[in-house]
Amino acid sequence: MEMRLNHTKASPESYKALLALETFVQNSGLERRFIHLIKLRASIINGCAYCVDMHVKESRRDGLSEQWINLMSVWRESTVYTAQERALLGWVDAVTKIAETGAPDGDFYALKAHFSEEEIVKITLAIGTINTWNRIAVGFRMQHPVDAAAKAA
């Protein structure tokens, strides 16, 4: 697979606008683990290898457990996530797949049981932001770095 174009060079002003939105999300006051959860789950749904690689590494760096990270793709079948995280995961799924789901009331009210209206807006903006990053990375075929091969024990 070959990269189709470099979006940062092709339209620096577009990149700058998205980066400003990302900066807002990062400084929004949402807990780091929630931002990681949003970014990783949406990237898994969207099949964005570049973003999954990045967000797994960032989640590890910030101290989230391997089990928490590894079970994200099967969160409904895992007990590792809190009720608050499960509500958030449901909303990430619903909003990321909005054409299929229509953002059901059940997912919204599950989220509302754990977060304020202000937090819900910030969460939804964060979901929209990572979905935009995913569409750029997948659409333009951005390649994730390949780590050095681990040595056999």
C-alpha atoms as a PDB file:
ATOM      1  CA  MET A   1       0.000   0.000   0.000  1.00  0.00           C
ATOM      2  CA  GLU A   2       1.344   3.393  -0.959  1.00  0.00           C
ATOM      3  CA  MET A   3       0.531   6.752   0.591  1.00  0.00           C
ATOM      4  CA  ARG A   4      -1.760   8.677  -1.766  1.00  0.00           C
ATOM      5  CA  LEU A   5      -0.803  12.185  -0.670  1.00  0.00           C
ATOM      6  CA  ASN A   6       0.623  14.132   2.218  1.00  0.00           C
ATOM      7  CA  HIS A   7      -2.313  16.085   3.624  1.00  0.00           C
ATOM      8  CA  THR A   8      -0.121  18.394   5.709  1.00  0.00           C
ATOM      9  CA  LYS A   9       1.704  19.611   2.587  1.00  0.00           C
ATOM     10  CA  ALA A  10      -1.294  19.542   0.234  1.00  0.00           C
ATOM     11  CA  SER A  11      -3.407  21.792   2.487  1.00  0.00           C
ATOM     12  CA  PRO A  12      -1.519  23.203   5.476  1.00  0.00           C
ATOM     13  CA  GLU A  13      -4.504  25.352   6.488  1.00  0.00           C
ATOM     14  CA  SER A  14      -6.757  22.273   6.673  1.00  0.00           C
ATOM     15  CA  TYR A  15      -4.215  20.465   8.806  1.00  0.00           C
ATOM     16  CA  LYS A  16      -3.893  23.532  11.056  1.00  0.00           C
ATOM     17  CA  ALA A  17      -7.682  23.671  11.531  1.00  0.00           C
ATOM     18  CA  LEU A  18      -7.891  19.993  12.486  1.00  0.00           C
ATOM     19  CA  LEU A  19      -4.905  20.349  14.781  1.00  0.00           C
ATOM     20  CA  ALA A  20      -6.671  23.229  16.567  1.00  0.00           C
ATOM     21  CA  LEU A  21      -9.680  20.987  17.118  1.00  0.00           C
ATOM     22  CA  GLU A  22      -7.373  18.231  18.415  1.00  0.00           C
ATOM     23  CA  THR A  23      -5.741  20.703  20.788  1.00  0.00           C
ATOM     24  CA  PHE A  24      -9.163  21.644  22.130  1.00  0.00           C
ATOM     25  CA  VAL A  25     -10.011  17.961  22.722  1.00  0.00           C
ATOM     26  CA  GLN A  26      -6.692  17.353  24.490  1.00  0.00           C
ATOM     27  CA  ASN A  27      -7.250  20.377  26.761  1.00  0.00           C
ATOM     28  CA  SER A  28     -11.006  19.905  27.225  1.00  0.00           C
ATOM     29  CA  GLY A  29     -10.774  18.574  30.760  1.00  0.00           C
ATOM     30  CA  LEU A  30     -11.863  15.048  29.786  1.00  0.00           C
ATOM     31  CA  GLU A  31      -9.930  12.357  31.650  1.00  0.00           C
ATOM     32  CA  ARG A  32      -6.965  10.988  29.677  1.00  0.00           C
ATOM     33  CA  ARG A  33      -8.322   7.436  29.842  1.00  0.00           C
ATOM     34  CA  PHE A  34     -11.586   8.611  28.254  1.00  0.00           C
ATOM     35  CA  ILE A  35      -9.714  10.333  25.432  1.00  0.00           C
ATOM     36  CA  HIS A  36      -7.670   7.165  24.881  1.00  0.00           C
ATOM     37  CA  LEU A  37     -10.818   5.054  24.936  1.00  0.00           C
ATOM     38  CA  ILE A  38     -12.518   7.293  22.352  1.00  0.00           C
ATOM     39  CA  LYS A  39      -9.527   7.423  20.025  1.00  0.00           C
ATOM     40  CA  LEU A  40      -8.682   3.747  20.199  1.00  0.00           C
ATOM     41  CA  ARG A  41     -12.233   2.427  19.873  1.00  0.00           C
ATOM     42  CA  ALA A  42     -13.174   4.684  16.942  1.00  0.00           C
ATOM     43  CA  SER A  43      -9.901   3.849  15.190  1.00  0.00           C
ATOM     44  CA  ILE A  44     -10.586   0.115  15.607  1.00  0.00           C
ATOM     45  CA  ILE A  45     -14.098   0.516  14.181  1.00  0.00           C
ATOM     46  CA  ASN A  46     -12.772   2.538  11.237  1.00  0.00           C
ATOM     47  CA  GLY A  47      -9.964   0.085  10.503  1.00  0.00           C
ATOM     48  CA  CYS A  48      -7.283   2.761  10.816  1.00  0.00           C
ATOM     49  CA  ALA A  49      -3.986   0.953  11.410  1.00  0.00           C
ATOM     50  CA  TYR A  50      -2.044   4.215  11.647  1.00  0.00           C
ATOM     51  CA  CYS A  51      -4.268   5.542  14.443  1.00  0.00           C
ATOM     52  CA  VAL A  52      -4.662   2.208  16.269  1.00  0.00           C
ATOM     53  CA  ASP A  53      -0.867   1.872  16.398  1.00  0.00           C
ATOM     54  CA  MET A  54      -0.491   5.431  17.708  1.00  0.00           C
ATOM     55  CA  HIS A  55      -3.269   5.219  20.299  1.00  0.00           C
ATOM     56  CA  VAL A  56      -2.212   1.830  21.647  1.00  0.00           C
ATOM     57  CA  LYS A  57       1.281   3.230  22.228  1.00  0.00           C
ATOM     58  CA  GLU A  58      -0.098   6.407  23.835  1.00  0.00           C
ATOM     59  CA  SER A  59      -2.426   4.367  26.076  1.00  0.00           C
ATOM     60  CA  ARG A  60       0.494   2.231  27.256  1.00  0.00           C
ATOM     61  CA  ARG A  61       2.639   5.310  27.834  1.00  0.00           C
ATOM     62  CA  ASP A  62      -0.102   6.785  30.031  1.00  0.00           C
ATOM     63  CA  GLY A  63      -0.284   3.629  32.146  1.00  0.00           C
ATOM     64  CA  LEU A  64      -3.403   1.889  30.869  1.00  0.00           C
ATOM     65  CA  SER A  65      -3.181  -1.878  31.239  1.00  0.00           C
ATOM     66  CA  GLU A  66      -2.468  -4.263  28.393  1.00  0.00           C
ATOM     67  CA  GLN A  67      -5.738  -6.023  29.135  1.00  0.00           C
ATOM     68  CA  TRP A  68      -7.703  -2.743  28.983  1.00  0.00           C
ATOM     69  CA  ILE A  69      -6.075  -1.952  25.624  1.00  0.00           C
ATOM     70  CA  ASN A  70      -6.248  -5.464  24.151  1.00  0.00           C
ATOM     71  CA  LEU A  71      -9.917  -6.089  24.906  1.00  0.00           C
ATOM     72  CA  MET A  72     -11.152  -2.824  23.385  1.00  0.00           C
ATOM     73  CA  SER A  73     -12.265  -4.552  20.166  1.00  0.00           C
ATOM     74  CA  VAL A  74     -14.467  -6.949  22.166  1.00  0.00           C
ATOM     75  CA  TRP A  75     -15.532  -4.629  24.971  1.00  0.00           C
ATOM     76  CA  ARG A  76     -19.113  -5.900  25.132  1.00  0.00           C
ATOM     77  CA  GLU A  77     -17.862  -9.362  26.145  1.00  0.00           C
ATOM     78  CA  SER A  78     -15.309  -8.122  28.689  1.00  0.00           C
ATOM     79  CA  THR A  79     -15.688  -7.216  32.348  1.00  0.00           C
ATOM     80  CA  VAL A  80     -12.519  -5.106  32.437  1.00  0.00           C
ATOM     81  CA  TYR A  81     -14.379  -1.849  31.701  1.00  0.00           C
ATOM     82  CA  THR A  82     -16.273   0.147  34.322  1.00  0.00           C
ATOM     83  CA  ALA A  83     -19.945   1.031  33.860  1.00  0.00           C
ATOM     84  CA  GLN A  84     -18.858   4.566  32.960  1.00  0.00           C
ATOM     85  CA  GLU A  85     -16.371   3.300  30.355  1.00  0.00           C
ATOM     86  CA  ARG A  86     -18.993   0.907  28.929  1.00  0.00           C
ATOM     87  CA  ALA A  87     -21.452   3.773  28.496  1.00  0.00           C
ATOM     88  CA  LEU A  88     -18.748   5.771  26.758  1.00  0.00           C
ATOM     89  CA  LEU A  89     -17.809   2.843  24.513  1.00  0.00           C
ATOM     90  CA  GLY A  90     -21.452   2.428  23.521  1.00  0.00           C
ATOM     91  CA  TRP A  91     -21.640   6.110  22.569  1.00  0.00           C
ATOM     92  CA  VAL A  92     -18.377   5.907  20.596  1.00  0.00           C
ATOM     93  CA  ASP A  93     -19.791   2.948  18.665  1.00  0.00           C
ATOM     94  CA  ALA A  94     -23.131   4.676  18.067  1.00  0.00           C
ATOM     95  CA  VAL A  95     -21.670   7.987  16.891  1.00  0.00           C
ATOM     96  CA  THR A  96     -18.869   6.447  14.829  1.00  0.00           C
ATOM     97  CA  LYS A  97     -21.412   4.222  13.045  1.00  0.00           C
ATOM     98  CA  ILE A  98     -24.117   6.912  13.005  1.00  0.00           C
ATOM     99  CA  ALA A  99     -25.399   6.038   9.517  1.00  0.00           C
ATOM    100  CA  GLU A 100     -26.215   2.548  10.835  1.00  0.00           C
ATOM    101  CA  THR A 101     -27.278   3.382  14.383  1.00  0.00           C
ATOM    102  CA  GLY A 102     -28.910   6.806  14.285  1.00  0.00           C
ATOM    103  CA  ALA A 103     -27.367   7.363  17.746  1.00  0.00           C
ATOM    104  CA  PRO A 104     -30.011   5.428  19.734  1.00  0.00           C
ATOM    105  CA  ASP A 105     -31.674   6.879  22.812  1.00  0.00           C
ATOM    106  CA  GLY A 106     -30.471   3.940  24.887  1.00  0.00           C
ATOM    107  CA  ASP A 107     -26.819   4.737  24.172  1.00  0.00           C
ATOM    108  CA  PHE A 108     -27.359   8.437  24.845  1.00  0.00           C
ATOM    109  CA  TYR A 109     -29.145   7.921  28.157  1.00  0.00           C
ATOM    110  CA  ALA A 110     -26.566   5.367  29.285  1.00  0.00           C
ATOM    111  CA  LEU A 111     -23.920   8.023  28.682  1.00  0.00           C
ATOM    112  CA  LYS A 112     -26.003  10.728  30.382  1.00  0.00           C
ATOM    113  CA  ALA A 113     -26.144   8.603  33.544  1.00  0.00           C
ATOM    114  CA  HIS A 114     -22.369   9.069  33.926  1.00  0.00           C
ATOM    115  CA  PHE A 115     -21.491  12.404  32.333  1.00  0.00           C
ATOM    116  CA  SER A 116     -22.704  16.003  32.436  1.00  0.00           C
ATOM    117  CA  GLU A 117     -24.194  17.658  29.356  1.00  0.00           C
ATOM    118  CA  GLU A 118     -20.986  19.656  28.892  1.00  0.00           C
ATOM    119  CA  GLU A 119     -18.914  16.471  29.061  1.00  0.00           C
ATOM    120  CA  ILE A 120     -21.244  14.763  26.569  1.00  0.00           C
ATOM    121  CA  VAL A 121     -20.696  17.588  24.078  1.00  0.00           C
ATOM    122  CA  LYS A 122     -16.917  17.382  24.559  1.00  0.00           C
ATOM    123  CA  ILE A 123     -17.018  13.574  24.246  1.00  0.00           C
ATOM    124  CA  THR A 124     -19.041  13.802  21.038  1.00  0.00           C
ATOM    125  CA  LEU A 125     -16.654  16.403  19.638  1.00  0.00           C
ATOM    126  CA  ALA A 126     -13.731  14.115  20.508  1.00  0.00           C
ATOM    127  CA  ILE A 127     -15.451  11.253  18.666  1.00  0.00           C
ATOM    128  CA  GLY A 128     -15.991  13.459  15.624  1.00  0.00           C
ATOM    129  CA  THR A 129     -12.364  14.599  15.711  1.00  0.00           C
ATOM    130  CA  ILE A 130     -10.873  11.096  15.754  1.00  0.00           C
ATOM    131  CA  ASN A 131     -13.284  10.041  13.032  1.00  0.00           C
ATOM    132  CA  THR A 132     -11.921  12.895  10.894  1.00  0.00           C
ATOM    133  CA  TRP A 133      -8.322  11.827  11.615  1.00  0.00           C
ATOM    134  CA  ASN A 134      -9.260   8.230  10.718  1.00  0.00           C
ATOM    135  CA  ARG A 135     -10.785   9.296   7.413  1.00  0.00           C
ATOM    136  CA  ILE A 136      -7.651  11.248   6.515  1.00  0.00           C
ATOM    137  CA  ALA A 137      -5.312   8.418   7.507  1.00  0.00           C
ATOM    138  CA  VAL A 138      -7.303   5.658   5.783  1.00  0.00           C
ATOM    139  CA  GLY A 139      -8.310   7.765   2.785  1.00  0.00           C
ATOM    140  CA  PHE A 140      -4.770   8.922   2.065  1.00  0.00           C
ATOM    141  CA  ARG A 141      -3.202   5.564   3.064  1.00  0.00           C
ATOM    142  CA  MET A 142      -0.977   6.900   5.848  1.00  0.00           C
ATOM    143  CA  GLN A 143       1.480   4.240   6.953  1.00  0.00           C
ATOM    144  CA  HIS A 144       2.173   3.522  10.606  1.00  0.00           C
ATOM    145  CA  PRO A 145       5.802   3.062  11.598  1.00  0.00           C
ATOM    146  CA  VAL A 146       7.016  -0.506  11.920  1.00  0.00           C
ATOM    147  CA  ASP A 147       8.727  -1.206  15.229  1.00  0.00           C
ATOM    148  CA  ALA A 148      11.975  -3.090  15.347  1.00  0.00           C
ATOM    149  CA  ALA A 149      11.437  -6.848  15.459  1.00  0.00           C
ATOM    150  CA  ALA A 150      11.607  -8.341  18.935  1.00  0.00           C
ATOM    151  CA  LYS A 151      14.416 -10.791  19.546  1.00  0.00           C
ATOM    152  CA  ALA A 152      13.467 -14.372  20.354  1.00  0.00           C
ATOM    153  CA  ALA A 153      14.157 -15.345  23.954  1.00  0.00           C
END
